[in-house]
């Protein structure tokens, strides 16, 4: 039986499979949202497991850890907002306001913005403060940040 007991379990058994599913279904808002929610939720798993251990230098609170993550990768704020909006139906608190200068975020299928996709691959796009981001590319950058942090800190 598979159990989710540690942050590395959540990364390997939830986040990475969500990535695979999202890339297999690049226009599925459900898969895109789920990938963003799991990327955002990994913050809580890591904080809860490691914040009280010696050598933790990423903030004394979840809010400070959020700030640290946004400094490592500003696109983490976008992923956080998407996850927040998916959970609450609308943004209750915007992480992107300070990072991207936005007060709202919208997710569209690629053809909905200009009638044609940014790339040749159909995908979801995110509009933050008037700037268009490819959702899966943005999420992939955040996943790479997490993977780097796990290696650098021996969180496995």
C-alpha atoms as a PDB file:
ATOM      1  CA  UNK A   1       0.000   0.000   0.000  1.00  0.00           C
ATOM      2  CA  UNK A   2       1.311   3.437  -0.932  1.00  0.00           C
ATOM      3  CA  UNK A   3       1.311   6.080   1.782  1.00  0.00           C
ATOM      4  CA  UNK A   4       1.801   9.821   1.746  1.00  0.00           C
ATOM      5  CA  UNK A   5       3.786  10.529   4.875  1.00  0.00           C
ATOM      6  CA  UNK A   6       6.563  12.872   3.758  1.00  0.00           C
ATOM      7  CA  UNK A   7       7.035  15.818   1.443  1.00  0.00           C
ATOM      8  CA  UNK A   8       9.093  13.696  -0.950  1.00  0.00           C
ATOM      9  CA  UNK A   9       6.177  11.235  -1.144  1.00  0.00           C
ATOM     10  CA  UNK A  10       3.850  14.078  -2.077  1.00  0.00           C
ATOM     11  CA  UNK A  11       6.333  15.270  -4.722  1.00  0.00           C
ATOM     12  CA  UNK A  12       6.774  11.840  -6.287  1.00  0.00           C
ATOM     13  CA  UNK A  13       3.270  10.418  -5.878  1.00  0.00           C
ATOM     14  CA  UNK A  14       1.133  13.517  -6.472  1.00  0.00           C
ATOM     15  CA  UNK A  15       3.017  16.446  -8.013  1.00  0.00           C
ATOM     16  CA  UNK A  16       5.067  14.554 -10.600  1.00  0.00           C
ATOM     17  CA  UNK A  17       2.097  12.417 -11.764  1.00  0.00           C
ATOM     18  CA  UNK A  18       0.021  15.633 -11.981  1.00  0.00           C
ATOM     19  CA  UNK A  19       2.716  17.057 -14.253  1.00  0.00           C
ATOM     20  CA  UNK A  20       2.568  13.980 -16.466  1.00  0.00           C
ATOM     21  CA  UNK A  21      -1.237  14.125 -16.650  1.00  0.00           C
ATOM     22  CA  UNK A  22      -1.244  17.862 -17.414  1.00  0.00           C
ATOM     23  CA  UNK A  23       1.244  17.473 -20.269  1.00  0.00           C
ATOM     24  CA  UNK A  24      -0.748  14.540 -21.642  1.00  0.00           C
ATOM     25  CA  UNK A  25      -3.872  16.769 -21.602  1.00  0.00           C
ATOM     26  CA  UNK A  26      -2.505  20.265 -22.379  1.00  0.00           C
ATOM     27  CA  UNK A  27      -5.908  21.913 -22.876  1.00  0.00           C
ATOM     28  CA  UNK A  28      -7.583  20.336 -19.850  1.00  0.00           C
ATOM     29  CA  UNK A  29      -8.260  22.992 -17.258  1.00  0.00           C
ATOM     30  CA  UNK A  30      -8.874  20.243 -14.693  1.00  0.00           C
ATOM     31  CA  UNK A  31      -5.400  18.785 -15.198  1.00  0.00           C
ATOM     32  CA  UNK A  32      -3.854  22.267 -15.251  1.00  0.00           C
ATOM     33  CA  UNK A  33      -5.594  23.271 -12.032  1.00  0.00           C
ATOM     34  CA  UNK A  34      -4.654  20.004 -10.338  1.00  0.00           C
ATOM     35  CA  UNK A  35      -0.988  20.442 -11.279  1.00  0.00           C
ATOM     36  CA  UNK A  36      -1.025  23.990  -9.864  1.00  0.00           C
ATOM     37  CA  UNK A  37      -2.804  22.934  -6.669  1.00  0.00           C
ATOM     38  CA  UNK A  38      -0.308  20.155  -5.987  1.00  0.00           C
ATOM     39  CA  UNK A  39       2.670  22.455  -6.733  1.00  0.00           C
ATOM     40  CA  UNK A  40       1.263  25.011  -4.300  1.00  0.00           C
ATOM     41  CA  UNK A  41       0.394  22.388  -1.660  1.00  0.00           C
ATOM     42  CA  UNK A  42       3.947  21.069  -1.676  1.00  0.00           C
ATOM     43  CA  UNK A  43       4.850  24.255   0.200  1.00  0.00           C
ATOM     44  CA  UNK A  44       2.782  23.091   3.190  1.00  0.00           C
ATOM     45  CA  UNK A  45       4.228  19.571   3.090  1.00  0.00           C
ATOM     46  CA  UNK A  46       7.803  20.900   3.055  1.00  0.00           C
ATOM     47  CA  UNK A  47       7.179  23.526   5.725  1.00  0.00           C
ATOM     48  CA  UNK A  48       5.429  21.082   8.060  1.00  0.00           C
ATOM     49  CA  UNK A  49       8.165  18.475   7.726  1.00  0.00           C
ATOM     50  CA  UNK A  50      11.303  20.618   7.782  1.00  0.00           C
ATOM     51  CA  UNK A  51      10.656  24.052   9.337  1.00  0.00           C
ATOM     52  CA  UNK A  52      11.479  22.915  12.877  1.00  0.00           C
ATOM     53  CA  UNK A  53      14.644  21.058  11.896  1.00  0.00           C
ATOM     54  CA  UNK A  54      18.127  22.499  12.339  1.00  0.00           C
ATOM     55  CA  UNK A  55      19.383  24.328   9.271  1.00  0.00           C
ATOM     56  CA  UNK A  56      15.972  25.603   8.150  1.00  0.00           C
ATOM     57  CA  UNK A  57      16.584  29.126   6.829  1.00  0.00           C
ATOM     58  CA  UNK A  58      13.462  29.728   4.764  1.00  0.00           C
ATOM     59  CA  UNK A  59      11.261  31.600   7.213  1.00  0.00           C
ATOM     60  CA  UNK A  60       9.636  31.095  10.580  1.00  0.00           C
ATOM     61  CA  UNK A  61       6.113  31.137   9.139  1.00  0.00           C
ATOM     62  CA  UNK A  62       4.365  29.719   6.099  1.00  0.00           C
ATOM     63  CA  UNK A  63       4.008  33.313   4.850  1.00  0.00           C
ATOM     64  CA  UNK A  64       7.757  33.876   5.056  1.00  0.00           C
ATOM     65  CA  UNK A  65       8.356  30.579   3.268  1.00  0.00           C
ATOM     66  CA  UNK A  66       5.922  31.690   0.550  1.00  0.00           C
ATOM     67  CA  UNK A  67       7.940  34.899   0.144  1.00  0.00           C
ATOM     68  CA  UNK A  68      11.170  32.896  -0.069  1.00  0.00           C
ATOM     69  CA  UNK A  69       9.695  30.656  -2.786  1.00  0.00           C
ATOM     70  CA  UNK A  70       8.493  33.670  -4.775  1.00  0.00           C
ATOM     71  CA  UNK A  71      11.991  35.148  -4.604  1.00  0.00           C
ATOM     72  CA  UNK A  72      13.421  31.872  -5.920  1.00  0.00           C
ATOM     73  CA  UNK A  73      10.884  31.811  -8.751  1.00  0.00           C
ATOM     74  CA  UNK A  74       8.421  34.710  -9.192  1.00  0.00           C
ATOM     75  CA  UNK A  75       6.157  32.417 -11.221  1.00  0.00           C
ATOM     76  CA  UNK A  76       5.415  30.549  -7.990  1.00  0.00           C
ATOM     77  CA  UNK A  77       3.104  33.476  -7.184  1.00  0.00           C
ATOM     78  CA  UNK A  78       1.122  32.756 -10.359  1.00  0.00           C
ATOM     79  CA  UNK A  79       0.827  29.076  -9.494  1.00  0.00           C
ATOM     80  CA  UNK A  80      -0.237  30.052  -5.959  1.00  0.00           C
ATOM     81  CA  UNK A  81      -2.987  32.308  -7.292  1.00  0.00           C
ATOM     82  CA  UNK A  82      -4.295  29.633  -9.649  1.00  0.00           C
ATOM     83  CA  UNK A  83      -4.370  27.107  -6.801  1.00  0.00           C
ATOM     84  CA  UNK A  84      -6.054  29.636  -4.526  1.00  0.00           C
ATOM     85  CA  UNK A  85      -8.668  30.469  -7.161  1.00  0.00           C
ATOM     86  CA  UNK A  86      -9.308  26.773  -7.808  1.00  0.00           C
ATOM     87  CA  UNK A  87      -9.892  26.209  -4.093  1.00  0.00           C
ATOM     88  CA  UNK A  88     -12.003  29.283  -3.362  1.00  0.00           C
ATOM     89  CA  UNK A  89     -13.714  29.859  -6.742  1.00  0.00           C
ATOM     90  CA  UNK A  90     -12.094  33.309  -6.819  1.00  0.00           C
ATOM     91  CA  UNK A  91      -8.956  34.916  -5.466  1.00  0.00           C
ATOM     92  CA  UNK A  92      -9.265  35.509  -1.743  1.00  0.00           C
ATOM     93  CA  UNK A  93      -5.661  36.724  -1.591  1.00  0.00           C
ATOM     94  CA  UNK A  94      -3.451  37.507  -4.554  1.00  0.00           C
ATOM     95  CA  UNK A  95       0.179  36.464  -4.404  1.00  0.00           C
ATOM     96  CA  UNK A  96       0.832  37.932  -7.868  1.00  0.00           C
ATOM     97  CA  UNK A  97      -0.101  41.485  -6.902  1.00  0.00           C
ATOM     98  CA  UNK A  98       3.338  42.267  -5.535  1.00  0.00           C
ATOM     99  CA  UNK A  99       5.257  40.065  -7.931  1.00  0.00           C
ATOM    100  CA  UNK A 100       3.580  40.596 -11.265  1.00  0.00           C
ATOM    101  CA  UNK A 101       1.664  43.813 -10.579  1.00  0.00           C
ATOM    102  CA  UNK A 102      -1.683  42.124 -11.082  1.00  0.00           C
ATOM    103  CA  UNK A 103      -4.912  42.078  -9.170  1.00  0.00           C
ATOM    104  CA  UNK A 104      -6.525  39.221 -11.065  1.00  0.00           C
ATOM    105  CA  UNK A 105      -5.635  36.105 -12.968  1.00  0.00           C
ATOM    106  CA  UNK A 106      -7.470  34.342 -15.771  1.00  0.00           C
ATOM    107  CA  UNK A 107      -6.903  30.965 -17.429  1.00  0.00           C
ATOM    108  CA  UNK A 108      -7.923  30.351 -21.031  1.00  0.00           C
ATOM    109  CA  UNK A 109      -7.538  27.755 -23.726  1.00  0.00           C
ATOM    110  CA  UNK A 110      -4.853  28.943 -26.124  1.00  0.00           C
ATOM    111  CA  UNK A 111      -7.183  30.017 -28.926  1.00  0.00           C
ATOM    112  CA  UNK A 112      -9.401  32.095 -26.629  1.00  0.00           C
ATOM    113  CA  UNK A 113      -6.990  35.006 -26.237  1.00  0.00           C
ATOM    114  CA  UNK A 114      -6.135  35.962 -29.799  1.00  0.00           C
ATOM    115  CA  UNK A 115      -7.720  33.243 -31.883  1.00  0.00           C
ATOM    116  CA  UNK A 116      -4.414  31.417 -32.229  1.00  0.00           C
ATOM    117  CA  UNK A 117      -2.091  29.707 -29.810  1.00  0.00           C
ATOM    118  CA  UNK A 118       1.222  31.218 -28.689  1.00  0.00           C
ATOM    119  CA  UNK A 119       2.905  27.967 -29.659  1.00  0.00           C
ATOM    120  CA  UNK A 120       2.066  25.163 -32.039  1.00  0.00           C
ATOM    121  CA  UNK A 121       1.042  22.920 -29.127  1.00  0.00           C
ATOM    122  CA  UNK A 122      -2.470  23.503 -27.789  1.00  0.00           C
ATOM    123  CA  UNK A 123      -2.168  24.648 -24.209  1.00  0.00           C
ATOM    124  CA  UNK A 124      -3.720  26.661 -21.416  1.00  0.00           C
ATOM    125  CA  UNK A 125      -2.638  30.252 -21.064  1.00  0.00           C
ATOM    126  CA  UNK A 126      -2.722  32.488 -18.013  1.00  0.00           C
ATOM    127  CA  UNK A 127      -3.188  36.250 -18.140  1.00  0.00           C
ATOM    128  CA  UNK A 128      -1.653  38.150 -15.231  1.00  0.00           C
ATOM    129  CA  UNK A 129      -1.608  41.920 -15.333  1.00  0.00           C
ATOM    130  CA  UNK A 130      -2.021  41.904 -19.099  1.00  0.00           C
ATOM    131  CA  UNK A 131       0.882  39.505 -19.678  1.00  0.00           C
ATOM    132  CA  UNK A 132       0.209  36.054 -21.139  1.00  0.00           C
ATOM    133  CA  UNK A 133       1.974  32.999 -19.687  1.00  0.00           C
ATOM    134  CA  UNK A 134       1.756  29.418 -20.898  1.00  0.00           C
ATOM    135  CA  UNK A 135       0.373  27.623 -17.863  1.00  0.00           C
ATOM    136  CA  UNK A 136       2.252  24.349 -18.265  1.00  0.00           C
ATOM    137  CA  UNK A 137       5.568  26.087 -18.966  1.00  0.00           C
ATOM    138  CA  UNK A 138       5.047  28.265 -15.885  1.00  0.00           C
ATOM    139  CA  UNK A 139       4.163  25.232 -13.750  1.00  0.00           C
ATOM    140  CA  UNK A 140       7.139  23.303 -15.129  1.00  0.00           C
ATOM    141  CA  UNK A 141       9.478  26.120 -14.025  1.00  0.00           C
ATOM    142  CA  UNK A 142       8.026  25.915 -10.522  1.00  0.00           C
ATOM    143  CA  UNK A 143       8.416  22.130 -10.467  1.00  0.00           C
ATOM    144  CA  UNK A 144      12.082  22.505 -11.445  1.00  0.00           C
ATOM    145  CA  UNK A 145      12.511  24.983  -8.570  1.00  0.00           C
ATOM    146  CA  UNK A 146      11.042  22.410  -6.165  1.00  0.00           C
ATOM    147  CA  UNK A 147      13.201  19.598  -7.523  1.00  0.00           C
ATOM    148  CA  UNK A 148      16.312  21.768  -7.127  1.00  0.00           C
ATOM    149  CA  UNK A 149      15.360  22.637  -3.532  1.00  0.00           C
ATOM    150  CA  UNK A 150      14.817  18.959  -2.707  1.00  0.00           C
ATOM    151  CA  UNK A 151      18.275  18.053  -4.028  1.00  0.00           C
ATOM    152  CA  UNK A 152      20.087  21.016  -2.457  1.00  0.00           C
ATOM    153  CA  UNK A 153      18.527  20.396   0.955  1.00  0.00           C
ATOM    154  CA  UNK A 154      18.506  16.589   0.959  1.00  0.00           C
ATOM    155  CA  UNK A 155      14.746  16.541   1.463  1.00  0.00           C
ATOM    156  CA  UNK A 156      14.459  12.922   0.342  1.00  0.00           C
END
